[in-house]
Amino acid sequence: MTEFQHPSPLIAWACFTLLMLGLMISSYIDFRTFRIPKIIPITLFIGGILASLCRGTILGWQGRPVWLISHPGPLTGALDGLLLAFVSGLTAFCMFLTIWILGVCGGGDVKLFTSVATWIDPYDSLLIMAVSFSLVCVWTVLVFIFRLAFSHQASARIRHIVDGTDRITLRGTRTSYSLPLTLATALVLLIRWHLLLN
């Protein structure tokens, strides 16, 4: 198994730009409506499959291994690129399906993360998931603290909390997942791909 690589820095940053464009559109819509239109994950999924296919074909044509298949060539490179996209997407889907069953995320989040994973490898998917969940936790706590501190009932609320007659709760503090996913994807890929391409 070789480390995830690109045929050239230009192709890598073109893929990065297209992926980030789709995620930024998703973030904007999700932030305003708490919904992710199906066309966005579908487009990103198809784009990820095509990007992996092209990347694998070019790497194979250059005589470089793509992922698992050890005999490089354009056809085997294309198949290996598709295999990588399939395994990465399936891994992401299984992880997020479990989280969706637990009621922590929505169905649109499952589809969006699965589509993002087709552009990258499973290792980067795990990193992005960890970073994005950390950002969600931080954002949720900050929103809760802001609401608690600046609501017009803040003093009474704080008094109830101090007296022990009220409980701090995060219920009703909704966050969209697209924005943390976009930030995490940008952060992880900028660091990882910069290291791989230099």
N, C-alpha and C. Protein backbone atom coordinates (compact mmCIF):
# COMPACT_ATOMS: atom_id res chain seq x y z
N MET A 1 0.85 -1.19 0.00
CA MET A 1 0.00 0.00 0.00
C MET A 1 0.88 1.24 0.00
N THR A 2 0.72 2.09 -0.99
CA THR A 2 1.53 3.30 -1.08
C THR A 2 0.80 4.46 -0.41
N GLU A 3 1.58 5.49 -0.08
CA GLU A 3 0.97 6.69 0.51
C GLU A 3 0.22 7.45 -0.57
N PHE A 4 -0.89 8.05 -0.18
CA PHE A 4 -1.71 8.81 -1.11
C PHE A 4 -0.86 9.87 -1.81
N GLN A 5 -0.95 9.93 -3.14
CA GLN A 5 -0.14 10.88 -3.89
C GLN A 5 -0.90 11.41 -5.10
N HIS A 6 -0.38 12.47 -5.66
CA HIS A 6 -0.96 13.10 -6.84
C HIS A 6 0.05 13.10 -7.97
N PRO A 7 -0.42 13.11 -9.22
CA PRO A 7 0.51 13.16 -10.35
C PRO A 7 1.35 14.44 -10.39
N SER A 8 0.76 15.54 -9.94
CA SER A 8 1.48 16.82 -9.94
C SER A 8 0.82 17.76 -8.94
N PRO A 9 1.56 18.76 -8.46
CA PRO A 9 0.95 19.74 -7.55
C PRO A 9 -0.23 20.47 -8.19
N LEU A 10 -0.16 20.74 -9.48
CA LEU A 10 -1.25 21.45 -10.16
C LEU A 10 -2.56 20.66 -10.08
N ILE A 11 -2.48 19.35 -10.34
CA ILE A 11 -3.67 18.50 -10.26
C ILE A 11 -4.18 18.42 -8.82
N ALA A 12 -3.25 18.32 -7.88
CA ALA A 12 -3.64 18.26 -6.47
C ALA A 12 -4.41 19.50 -6.05
N TRP A 13 -3.90 20.67 -6.38
CA TRP A 13 -4.56 21.90 -5.95
C TRP A 13 -5.82 22.19 -6.76
N ALA A 14 -5.90 21.67 -7.99
CA ALA A 14 -7.16 21.77 -8.74
C ALA A 14 -8.25 20.95 -8.05
N CYS A 15 -7.89 19.73 -7.62
CA CYS A 15 -8.85 18.89 -6.88
C CYS A 15 -9.25 19.56 -5.57
N PHE A 16 -8.28 20.11 -4.86
CA PHE A 16 -8.54 20.80 -3.61
C PHE A 16 -9.51 21.96 -3.81
N THR A 17 -9.27 22.75 -4.86
CA THR A 17 -10.11 23.91 -5.14
C THR A 17 -11.55 23.50 -5.45
N LEU A 18 -11.72 22.48 -6.29
CA LEU A 18 -13.08 22.01 -6.65
C LEU A 18 -13.81 21.46 -5.43
N LEU A 19 -13.10 20.67 -4.62
CA LEU A 19 -13.71 20.11 -3.42
C LEU A 19 -14.11 21.22 -2.45
N MET A 20 -13.23 22.19 -2.24
CA MET A 20 -13.54 23.27 -1.31
C MET A 20 -14.67 24.16 -1.82
N LEU A 21 -14.76 24.35 -3.12
CA LEU A 21 -15.86 25.13 -3.69
C LEU A 21 -17.20 24.48 -3.37
N GLY A 22 -17.28 23.17 -3.59
CA GLY A 22 -18.51 22.45 -3.26
C GLY A 22 -18.84 22.52 -1.78
N LEU A 23 -17.83 22.38 -0.93
CA LEU A 23 -18.07 22.43 0.51
C LEU A 23 -18.47 23.83 0.98
N MET A 24 -17.91 24.86 0.37
CA MET A 24 -18.29 26.22 0.76
C MET A 24 -19.74 26.53 0.39
N ILE A 25 -20.16 26.06 -0.78
CA ILE A 25 -21.57 26.23 -1.18
C ILE A 25 -22.47 25.50 -0.20
N SER A 26 -22.09 24.26 0.14
CA SER A 26 -22.86 23.48 1.11
C SER A 26 -22.91 24.18 2.47
N SER A 27 -21.79 24.74 2.91
CA SER A 27 -21.74 25.43 4.20
C SER A 27 -22.67 26.62 4.24
N TYR A 28 -22.67 27.39 3.16
CA TYR A 28 -23.52 28.57 3.10
C TYR A 28 -25.00 28.18 3.20
N ILE A 29 -25.40 27.20 2.41
CA ILE A 29 -26.81 26.78 2.41
C ILE A 29 -27.18 26.13 3.74
N ASP A 30 -26.32 25.26 4.26
CA ASP A 30 -26.60 24.55 5.51
C ASP A 30 -26.66 25.52 6.68
N PHE A 31 -25.79 26.53 6.69
CA PHE A 31 -25.78 27.51 7.78
C PHE A 31 -27.09 28.30 7.81
N ARG A 32 -27.64 28.59 6.64
CA ARG A 32 -28.87 29.38 6.57
C ARG A 32 -30.13 28.56 6.76
N THR A 33 -30.13 27.31 6.33
CA THR A 33 -31.36 26.53 6.30
C THR A 33 -31.32 25.24 7.14
N PHE A 34 -30.13 24.85 7.63
CA PHE A 34 -29.93 23.58 8.31
C PHE A 34 -30.34 22.40 7.43
N ARG A 35 -30.17 22.58 6.12
CA ARG A 35 -30.43 21.50 5.16
C ARG A 35 -29.33 21.51 4.10
N ILE A 36 -29.00 20.32 3.61
CA ILE A 36 -28.02 20.20 2.54
C ILE A 36 -28.76 19.66 1.32
N PRO A 37 -28.92 20.45 0.27
CA PRO A 37 -29.60 19.96 -0.93
C PRO A 37 -28.89 18.72 -1.49
N LYS A 38 -29.67 17.74 -1.93
CA LYS A 38 -29.10 16.47 -2.39
C LYS A 38 -28.14 16.63 -3.56
N ILE A 39 -28.35 17.68 -4.36
CA ILE A 39 -27.51 17.87 -5.54
C ILE A 39 -26.05 18.10 -5.16
N ILE A 40 -25.79 18.68 -3.99
CA ILE A 40 -24.41 18.98 -3.59
C ILE A 40 -23.62 17.71 -3.29
N PRO A 41 -24.10 16.81 -2.39
CA PRO A 41 -23.33 15.58 -2.17
C PRO A 41 -23.25 14.70 -3.42
N ILE A 42 -24.31 14.70 -4.23
CA ILE A 42 -24.27 13.89 -5.45
C ILE A 42 -23.20 14.41 -6.39
N THR A 43 -23.15 15.74 -6.57
CA THR A 43 -22.14 16.34 -7.45
C THR A 43 -20.74 16.10 -6.92
N LEU A 44 -20.55 16.27 -5.60
CA LEU A 44 -19.23 16.02 -5.01
C LEU A 44 -18.84 14.55 -5.11
N PHE A 45 -19.80 13.65 -4.97
CA PHE A 45 -19.52 12.21 -5.07
C PHE A 45 -19.05 11.87 -6.48
N ILE A 46 -19.79 12.33 -7.48
CA ILE A 46 -19.41 12.07 -8.88
C ILE A 46 -18.05 12.71 -9.17
N GLY A 47 -17.85 13.93 -8.69
CA GLY A 47 -16.56 14.61 -8.87
C GLY A 47 -15.42 13.85 -8.23
N GLY A 48 -15.65 13.29 -7.03
CA GLY A 48 -14.61 12.52 -6.34
C GLY A 48 -14.25 11.25 -7.08
N ILE A 49 -15.28 10.56 -7.62
CA ILE A 49 -15.03 9.35 -8.42
C ILE A 49 -14.22 9.69 -9.66
N LEU A 50 -14.63 10.76 -10.37
CA LEU A 50 -13.91 11.16 -11.59
C LEU A 50 -12.49 11.61 -11.27
N ALA A 51 -12.32 12.36 -10.17
CA ALA A 51 -10.99 12.82 -9.78
C ALA A 51 -10.09 11.63 -9.45
N SER A 52 -10.62 10.65 -8.72
CA SER A 52 -9.83 9.47 -8.37
C SER A 52 -9.49 8.65 -9.60
N LEU A 53 -10.43 8.56 -10.53
CA LEU A 53 -10.20 7.83 -11.78
C LEU A 53 -9.10 8.50 -12.60
N CYS A 54 -9.19 9.81 -12.76
CA CYS A 54 -8.17 10.55 -13.53
C CYS A 54 -6.82 10.51 -12.84
N ARG A 55 -6.81 10.70 -11.53
CA ARG A 55 -5.57 10.68 -10.77
C ARG A 55 -4.88 9.32 -10.92
N GLY A 56 -5.67 8.25 -10.78
CA GLY A 56 -5.11 6.90 -10.90
C GLY A 56 -4.59 6.61 -12.30
N THR A 57 -5.34 7.06 -13.31
CA THR A 57 -4.92 6.84 -14.70
C THR A 57 -3.60 7.54 -14.99
N ILE A 58 -3.47 8.80 -14.56
CA ILE A 58 -2.24 9.57 -14.82
C ILE A 58 -1.06 8.98 -14.05
N LEU A 59 -1.28 8.61 -12.78
CA LEU A 59 -0.20 8.00 -12.00
C LEU A 59 0.25 6.70 -12.65
N GLY A 60 -0.72 5.88 -13.09
CA GLY A 60 -0.37 4.63 -13.76
C GLY A 60 0.38 4.87 -15.06
N TRP A 61 -0.04 5.87 -15.80
CA TRP A 61 0.63 6.22 -17.06
C TRP A 61 2.06 6.69 -16.80
N GLN A 62 2.28 7.34 -15.65
CA GLN A 62 3.62 7.78 -15.26
C GLN A 62 4.47 6.64 -14.70
N GLY A 63 3.85 5.45 -14.56
CA GLY A 63 4.58 4.31 -14.01
C GLY A 63 4.70 4.33 -12.50
N ARG A 64 3.81 5.11 -11.84
CA ARG A 64 3.84 5.23 -10.39
C ARG A 64 2.65 4.47 -9.79
N PRO A 65 2.85 3.82 -8.64
CA PRO A 65 1.74 3.12 -8.01
C PRO A 65 0.70 4.10 -7.47
N VAL A 66 -0.54 3.66 -7.42
CA VAL A 66 -1.63 4.51 -6.94
C VAL A 66 -1.95 4.20 -5.49
N TRP A 67 -2.33 2.93 -5.21
CA TRP A 67 -2.70 2.59 -3.84
C TRP A 67 -2.35 1.14 -3.52
N LEU A 68 -3.12 0.17 -4.03
CA LEU A 68 -2.90 -1.23 -3.67
C LEU A 68 -2.26 -2.06 -4.79
N ILE A 69 -2.62 -1.79 -6.03
CA ILE A 69 -2.13 -2.59 -7.15
C ILE A 69 -0.67 -2.23 -7.41
N SER A 70 0.18 -3.25 -7.42
CA SER A 70 1.62 -2.99 -7.46
C SER A 70 2.20 -2.87 -8.88
N HIS A 71 1.45 -3.21 -9.92
CA HIS A 71 1.95 -3.11 -11.29
C HIS A 71 1.31 -1.91 -11.96
N PRO A 72 2.01 -0.76 -11.97
CA PRO A 72 1.40 0.45 -12.50
C PRO A 72 1.22 0.41 -14.02
N GLY A 73 0.15 1.01 -14.44
CA GLY A 73 -0.19 1.18 -15.84
C GLY A 73 -1.46 1.99 -15.89
N PRO A 74 -1.82 2.57 -17.02
CA PRO A 74 -3.03 3.42 -17.07
C PRO A 74 -4.30 2.70 -16.63
N LEU A 75 -4.49 1.45 -17.09
CA LEU A 75 -5.71 0.72 -16.74
C LEU A 75 -5.71 0.31 -15.27
N THR A 76 -4.59 -0.27 -14.83
CA THR A 76 -4.52 -0.68 -13.42
C THR A 76 -4.55 0.54 -12.50
N GLY A 77 -3.95 1.65 -12.95
CA GLY A 77 -4.01 2.87 -12.16
C GLY A 77 -5.43 3.39 -12.01
N ALA A 78 -6.20 3.34 -13.11
CA ALA A 78 -7.60 3.78 -13.07
C ALA A 78 -8.41 2.89 -12.12
N LEU A 79 -8.19 1.56 -12.21
CA LEU A 79 -8.90 0.64 -11.32
C LEU A 79 -8.52 0.86 -9.86
N ASP A 80 -7.23 1.10 -9.63
CA ASP A 80 -6.76 1.35 -8.26
C ASP A 80 -7.32 2.66 -7.72
N GLY A 81 -7.42 3.69 -8.58
CA GLY A 81 -8.02 4.95 -8.16
C GLY A 81 -9.48 4.78 -7.77
N LEU A 82 -10.21 4.01 -8.58
CA LEU A 82 -11.62 3.73 -8.26
C LEU A 82 -11.75 2.92 -6.98
N LEU A 83 -10.84 1.96 -6.79
CA LEU A 83 -10.85 1.15 -5.57
C LEU A 83 -10.62 2.02 -4.34
N LEU A 84 -9.67 2.94 -4.44
CA LEU A 84 -9.39 3.85 -3.32
C LEU A 84 -10.61 4.71 -3.00
N ALA A 85 -11.24 5.27 -4.04
CA ALA A 85 -12.42 6.10 -3.82
C ALA A 85 -13.55 5.28 -3.20
N PHE A 86 -13.73 4.04 -3.65
CA PHE A 86 -14.78 3.18 -3.12
C PHE A 86 -14.53 2.84 -1.65
N VAL A 87 -13.30 2.42 -1.33
CA VAL A 87 -12.98 2.04 0.06
C VAL A 87 -13.09 3.25 0.98
N SER A 88 -12.57 4.39 0.56
CA SER A 88 -12.63 5.59 1.38
C SER A 88 -14.07 6.05 1.60
N GLY A 89 -14.86 6.05 0.52
CA GLY A 89 -16.27 6.43 0.64
C GLY A 89 -17.06 5.47 1.50
N LEU A 90 -16.81 4.17 1.34
CA LEU A 90 -17.53 3.16 2.14
C LEU A 90 -17.16 3.28 3.61
N THR A 91 -15.89 3.51 3.89
CA THR A 91 -15.44 3.69 5.28
C THR A 91 -16.14 4.89 5.91
N ALA A 92 -16.16 6.00 5.20
CA ALA A 92 -16.81 7.21 5.71
C ALA A 92 -18.31 6.98 5.91
N PHE A 93 -18.94 6.30 4.95
CA PHE A 93 -20.38 6.04 5.06
C PHE A 93 -20.69 5.20 6.30
N CYS A 94 -19.90 4.14 6.52
CA CYS A 94 -20.15 3.27 7.68
C CYS A 94 -19.96 4.02 9.00
N MET A 95 -18.92 4.86 9.06
CA MET A 95 -18.69 5.63 10.29
C MET A 95 -19.85 6.59 10.55
N PHE A 96 -20.27 7.31 9.53
CA PHE A 96 -21.31 8.32 9.72
C PHE A 96 -22.69 7.70 9.83
N LEU A 97 -22.90 6.52 9.24
CA LEU A 97 -24.18 5.85 9.39
C LEU A 97 -24.41 5.48 10.85
N THR A 98 -23.35 5.02 11.50
CA THR A 98 -23.44 4.71 12.94
C THR A 98 -23.80 5.95 13.74
N ILE A 99 -23.15 7.06 13.42
CA ILE A 99 -23.42 8.31 14.12
C ILE A 99 -24.85 8.79 13.85
N TRP A 100 -25.33 8.59 12.60
CA TRP A 100 -26.70 8.97 12.25
C TRP A 100 -27.71 8.12 13.01
N ILE A 101 -27.43 6.81 13.14
CA ILE A 101 -28.33 5.91 13.88
C ILE A 101 -28.45 6.36 15.34
N LEU A 102 -27.34 6.87 15.89
CA LEU A 102 -27.36 7.36 17.27
C LEU A 102 -28.06 8.71 17.39
N GLY A 103 -28.42 9.32 16.26
CA GLY A 103 -29.15 10.58 16.27
C GLY A 103 -28.28 11.81 16.45
N VAL A 104 -26.97 11.67 16.22
CA VAL A 104 -26.06 12.80 16.43
C VAL A 104 -25.97 13.69 15.20
N CYS A 105 -26.18 13.13 14.01
CA CYS A 105 -26.10 13.93 12.78
C CYS A 105 -27.29 13.61 11.89
N GLY A 106 -27.44 14.40 10.84
CA GLY A 106 -28.53 14.19 9.90
C GLY A 106 -28.10 13.36 8.70
N GLY A 107 -29.08 12.96 7.90
CA GLY A 107 -28.79 12.16 6.72
C GLY A 107 -27.97 12.92 5.69
N GLY A 108 -28.18 14.24 5.59
CA GLY A 108 -27.39 15.05 4.67
C GLY A 108 -25.93 15.07 5.04
N ASP A 109 -25.63 15.02 6.36
CA ASP A 109 -24.24 14.99 6.82
C ASP A 109 -23.57 13.69 6.41
N VAL A 110 -24.31 12.58 6.47
CA VAL A 110 -23.77 11.27 6.05
C VAL A 110 -23.39 11.32 4.58
N LYS A 111 -24.30 11.83 3.77
CA LYS A 111 -24.05 11.89 2.32
C LYS A 111 -22.90 12.84 1.99
N LEU A 112 -22.85 13.98 2.68
CA LEU A 112 -21.81 14.96 2.40
C LEU A 112 -20.43 14.41 2.76
N PHE A 113 -20.30 13.81 3.94
CA PHE A 113 -19.00 13.29 4.35
C PHE A 113 -18.56 12.12 3.46
N THR A 114 -19.51 11.28 3.06
CA THR A 114 -19.19 10.18 2.15
C THR A 114 -18.66 10.70 0.83
N SER A 115 -19.29 11.75 0.32
CA SER A 115 -18.85 12.32 -0.96
C SER A 115 -17.47 12.96 -0.85
N VAL A 116 -17.19 13.60 0.28
CA VAL A 116 -15.86 14.18 0.49
C VAL A 116 -14.80 13.09 0.52
N ALA A 117 -15.12 11.97 1.15
CA ALA A 117 -14.14 10.88 1.30
C ALA A 117 -13.71 10.29 -0.04
N THR A 118 -14.55 10.39 -1.08
CA THR A 118 -14.16 9.83 -2.38
C THR A 118 -13.02 10.62 -3.02
N TRP A 119 -12.75 11.83 -2.56
CA TRP A 119 -11.66 12.64 -3.08
C TRP A 119 -10.32 12.32 -2.43
N ILE A 120 -10.34 11.65 -1.29
CA ILE A 120 -9.13 11.48 -0.47
C ILE A 120 -8.98 10.01 -0.07
N ASP A 121 -8.05 9.73 0.84
CA ASP A 121 -7.87 8.36 1.29
C ASP A 121 -8.51 8.16 2.67
N PRO A 122 -8.68 6.90 3.11
CA PRO A 122 -9.34 6.66 4.40
C PRO A 122 -8.65 7.33 5.59
N TYR A 123 -7.32 7.39 5.55
CA TYR A 123 -6.59 8.00 6.67
C TYR A 123 -6.95 9.49 6.80
N ASP A 124 -6.94 10.20 5.68
CA ASP A 124 -7.31 11.62 5.72
C ASP A 124 -8.77 11.79 6.14
N SER A 125 -9.63 10.85 5.73
CA SER A 125 -11.04 10.90 6.15
C SER A 125 -11.17 10.84 7.67
N LEU A 126 -10.40 9.94 8.29
CA LEU A 126 -10.44 9.82 9.75
C LEU A 126 -9.94 11.10 10.42
N LEU A 127 -8.87 11.67 9.87
CA LEU A 127 -8.35 12.93 10.42
C LEU A 127 -9.38 14.05 10.31
N ILE A 128 -10.02 14.15 9.14
CA ILE A 128 -11.01 15.20 8.92
C ILE A 128 -12.20 15.01 9.86
N MET A 129 -12.62 13.77 10.05
CA MET A 129 -13.74 13.51 10.96
C MET A 129 -13.38 13.94 12.38
N ALA A 130 -12.19 13.59 12.84
CA ALA A 130 -11.77 13.95 14.19
C ALA A 130 -11.70 15.46 14.37
N VAL A 131 -11.10 16.14 13.41
CA VAL A 131 -10.97 17.61 13.51
C VAL A 131 -12.34 18.28 13.43
N SER A 132 -13.20 17.80 12.53
CA SER A 132 -14.52 18.43 12.38
C SER A 132 -15.38 18.23 13.62
N PHE A 133 -15.32 17.05 14.25
CA PHE A 133 -16.08 16.83 15.47
C PHE A 133 -15.55 17.71 16.60
N SER A 134 -14.23 17.90 16.65
CA SER A 134 -13.67 18.81 17.66
C SER A 134 -14.19 20.23 17.46
N LEU A 135 -14.24 20.66 16.20
CA LEU A 135 -14.75 22.01 15.90
C LEU A 135 -16.23 22.14 16.26
N VAL A 136 -17.01 21.09 16.00
CA VAL A 136 -18.43 21.10 16.36
C VAL A 136 -18.59 21.25 17.87
N CYS A 137 -17.80 20.51 18.63
CA CYS A 137 -17.90 20.59 20.10
C CYS A 137 -17.54 21.99 20.61
N VAL A 138 -16.45 22.53 20.10
CA VAL A 138 -16.03 23.87 20.51
C VAL A 138 -17.09 24.91 20.14
N TRP A 139 -17.60 24.83 18.90
CA TRP A 139 -18.62 25.78 18.44
C TRP A 139 -19.89 25.70 19.29
N THR A 140 -20.32 24.47 19.59
CA THR A 140 -21.55 24.29 20.38
C THR A 140 -21.41 24.88 21.77
N VAL A 141 -20.28 24.65 22.41
CA VAL A 141 -20.05 25.20 23.75
C VAL A 141 -19.97 26.74 23.70
N LEU A 142 -19.28 27.28 22.69
CA LEU A 142 -19.17 28.73 22.58
C LEU A 142 -20.53 29.38 22.34
N VAL A 143 -21.36 28.77 21.48
CA VAL A 143 -22.71 29.31 21.24
C VAL A 143 -23.53 29.26 22.51
N PHE A 144 -23.43 28.18 23.25
CA PHE A 144 -24.17 28.05 24.50
C PHE A 144 -23.74 29.12 25.51
N ILE A 145 -22.43 29.31 25.65
CA ILE A 145 -21.92 30.32 26.59
C ILE A 145 -22.37 31.72 26.16
N PHE A 146 -22.31 32.00 24.87
CA PHE A 146 -22.74 33.31 24.36
C PHE A 146 -24.22 33.54 24.66
N ARG A 147 -25.05 32.53 24.40
CA ARG A 147 -26.48 32.67 24.66
C ARG A 147 -26.76 32.85 26.15
N LEU A 148 -26.02 32.12 26.96
CA LEU A 148 -26.21 32.21 28.40
C LEU A 148 -25.81 33.59 28.91
N ALA A 149 -24.70 34.11 28.42
CA ALA A 149 -24.17 35.38 28.92
C ALA A 149 -24.93 36.59 28.42
N PHE A 150 -25.47 36.53 27.20
CA PHE A 150 -26.04 37.74 26.60
C PHE A 150 -27.56 37.71 26.44
N SER A 151 -28.21 36.71 26.93
CA SER A 151 -29.67 36.73 26.87
C SER A 151 -30.19 37.72 27.92
N HIS A 152 -31.39 38.28 27.68
CA HIS A 152 -31.93 39.26 28.62
C HIS A 152 -32.36 38.60 29.93
N GLN A 153 -32.38 37.27 29.96
CA GLN A 153 -32.70 36.57 31.19
C GLN A 153 -31.45 35.98 31.81
N ALA A 154 -30.28 36.49 31.41
CA ALA A 154 -29.02 35.87 31.84
C ALA A 154 -28.86 35.89 33.35
N SER A 155 -29.16 37.02 33.98
CA SER A 155 -28.92 37.11 35.43
C SER A 155 -29.80 36.12 36.20
N ALA A 156 -31.08 36.02 35.80
CA ALA A 156 -31.96 35.06 36.47
C ALA A 156 -31.51 33.63 36.19
N ARG A 157 -31.07 33.40 34.97
CA ARG A 157 -30.63 32.05 34.59
C ARG A 157 -29.39 31.66 35.40
N ILE A 158 -28.45 32.59 35.53
CA ILE A 158 -27.23 32.31 36.29
C ILE A 158 -27.57 32.07 37.75
N ARG A 159 -28.51 32.86 38.28
CA ARG A 159 -28.90 32.69 39.68
C ARG A 159 -29.51 31.30 39.90
N HIS A 160 -30.34 30.86 38.95
CA HIS A 160 -30.93 29.53 39.07
C HIS A 160 -29.86 28.44 39.01
N ILE A 161 -28.86 28.65 38.15
CA ILE A 161 -27.80 27.66 38.03
C ILE A 161 -26.99 27.59 39.31
N VAL A 162 -26.66 28.76 39.86
CA VAL A 162 -25.88 28.81 41.10
C VAL A 162 -26.67 28.18 42.24
N ASP A 163 -27.98 28.45 42.29
CA ASP A 163 -28.83 27.88 43.35
C ASP A 163 -29.06 26.39 43.17
N GLY A 164 -28.74 25.87 42.00
CA GLY A 164 -28.95 24.46 41.75
C GLY A 164 -30.36 24.13 41.32
N THR A 165 -31.16 25.14 40.99
CA THR A 165 -32.55 24.89 40.59
C THR A 165 -32.69 24.76 39.07
N ASP A 166 -31.61 24.88 38.36
CA ASP A 166 -31.66 24.76 36.91
C ASP A 166 -30.43 24.00 36.45
N ARG A 167 -30.54 23.37 35.31
CA ARG A 167 -29.42 22.62 34.75
C ARG A 167 -28.96 23.27 33.47
N ILE A 168 -27.64 23.30 33.27
CA ILE A 168 -27.11 23.77 32.00
C ILE A 168 -27.40 22.71 30.96
N THR A 169 -27.95 23.11 29.83
CA THR A 169 -28.26 22.16 28.78
C THR A 169 -27.87 22.74 27.43
N LEU A 170 -27.46 21.86 26.53
CA LEU A 170 -27.14 22.28 25.17
C LEU A 170 -28.31 22.03 24.23
N ARG A 171 -29.42 21.55 24.78
CA ARG A 171 -30.57 21.28 23.94
C ARG A 171 -31.06 22.55 23.27
N GLY A 172 -31.36 22.43 21.99
CA GLY A 172 -31.82 23.59 21.24
C GLY A 172 -30.69 24.39 20.62
N THR A 173 -29.44 24.01 20.93
CA THR A 173 -28.29 24.68 20.32
C THR A 173 -27.92 23.92 19.06
N ARG A 174 -28.52 24.32 17.94
CA ARG A 174 -28.30 23.62 16.67
C ARG A 174 -27.06 24.17 15.98
N THR A 175 -26.34 23.27 15.37
CA THR A 175 -25.20 23.68 14.55
C THR A 175 -25.27 22.94 13.23
N SER A 176 -24.83 23.61 12.18
CA SER A 176 -24.74 22.93 10.89
C SER A 176 -23.38 22.27 10.82
N TYR A 177 -23.32 21.09 10.21
CA TYR A 177 -22.07 20.34 10.16
C TYR A 177 -21.20 20.75 8.98
N SER A 178 -21.79 21.33 7.94
CA SER A 178 -21.03 21.65 6.73
C SER A 178 -19.86 22.59 6.99
N LEU A 179 -20.08 23.61 7.81
CA LEU A 179 -19.01 24.58 8.07
C LEU A 179 -17.83 23.94 8.80
N PRO A 180 -18.05 23.22 9.92
CA PRO A 180 -16.91 22.54 10.54
C PRO A 180 -16.23 21.53 9.61
N LEU A 181 -17.01 20.84 8.78
CA LEU A 181 -16.43 19.90 7.83
C LEU A 181 -15.56 20.63 6.81
N THR A 182 -16.03 21.78 6.33
CA THR A 182 -15.26 22.57 5.36
C THR A 182 -13.95 23.04 5.97
N LEU A 183 -14.00 23.58 7.19
CA LEU A 183 -12.79 24.06 7.86
C LEU A 183 -11.83 22.91 8.14
N ALA A 184 -12.35 21.79 8.61
CA ALA A 184 -11.50 20.63 8.90
C ALA A 184 -10.85 20.07 7.63
N THR A 185 -11.63 20.00 6.55
CA THR A 185 -11.09 19.50 5.28
C THR A 185 -9.98 20.40 4.78
N ALA A 186 -10.20 21.71 4.82
CA ALA A 186 -9.18 22.65 4.38
C ALA A 186 -7.92 22.52 5.22
N LEU A 187 -8.08 22.46 6.53
CA LEU A 187 -6.93 22.38 7.44
C LEU A 187 -6.12 21.10 7.22
N VAL A 188 -6.81 19.96 7.22
CA VAL A 188 -6.12 18.67 7.08
C VAL A 188 -5.44 18.55 5.72
N LEU A 189 -6.16 18.89 4.65
CA LEU A 189 -5.57 18.73 3.32
C LEU A 189 -4.45 19.72 3.04
N LEU A 190 -4.57 20.95 3.53
CA LEU A 190 -3.49 21.91 3.33
C LEU A 190 -2.21 21.43 4.01
N ILE A 191 -2.34 20.88 5.20
CA ILE A 191 -1.16 20.38 5.90
C ILE A 191 -0.65 19.08 5.28
N ARG A 192 -1.53 18.11 5.08
CA ARG A 192 -1.11 16.80 4.57
C ARG A 192 -0.59 16.89 3.14
N TRP A 193 -1.32 17.55 2.24
CA TRP A 193 -0.90 17.61 0.85
C TRP A 193 0.33 18.48 0.68
N HIS A 194 0.47 19.51 1.52
CA HIS A 194 1.69 20.32 1.46
C HIS A 194 2.91 19.47 1.78
N LEU A 195 2.77 18.61 2.79
CA LEU A 195 3.88 17.74 3.17
C LEU A 195 4.17 16.70 2.09
N LEU A 196 3.11 16.16 1.46
CA LEU A 196 3.28 15.13 0.45
C LEU A 196 3.84 15.68 -0.85
N LEU A 197 3.50 16.92 -1.18
CA LEU A 197 3.89 17.48 -2.46
C LEU A 197 5.24 18.19 -2.42
N ASN A 198 5.82 18.36 -1.23
CA ASN A 198 7.12 19.03 -1.12
C ASN A 198 8.22 18.04 -0.78
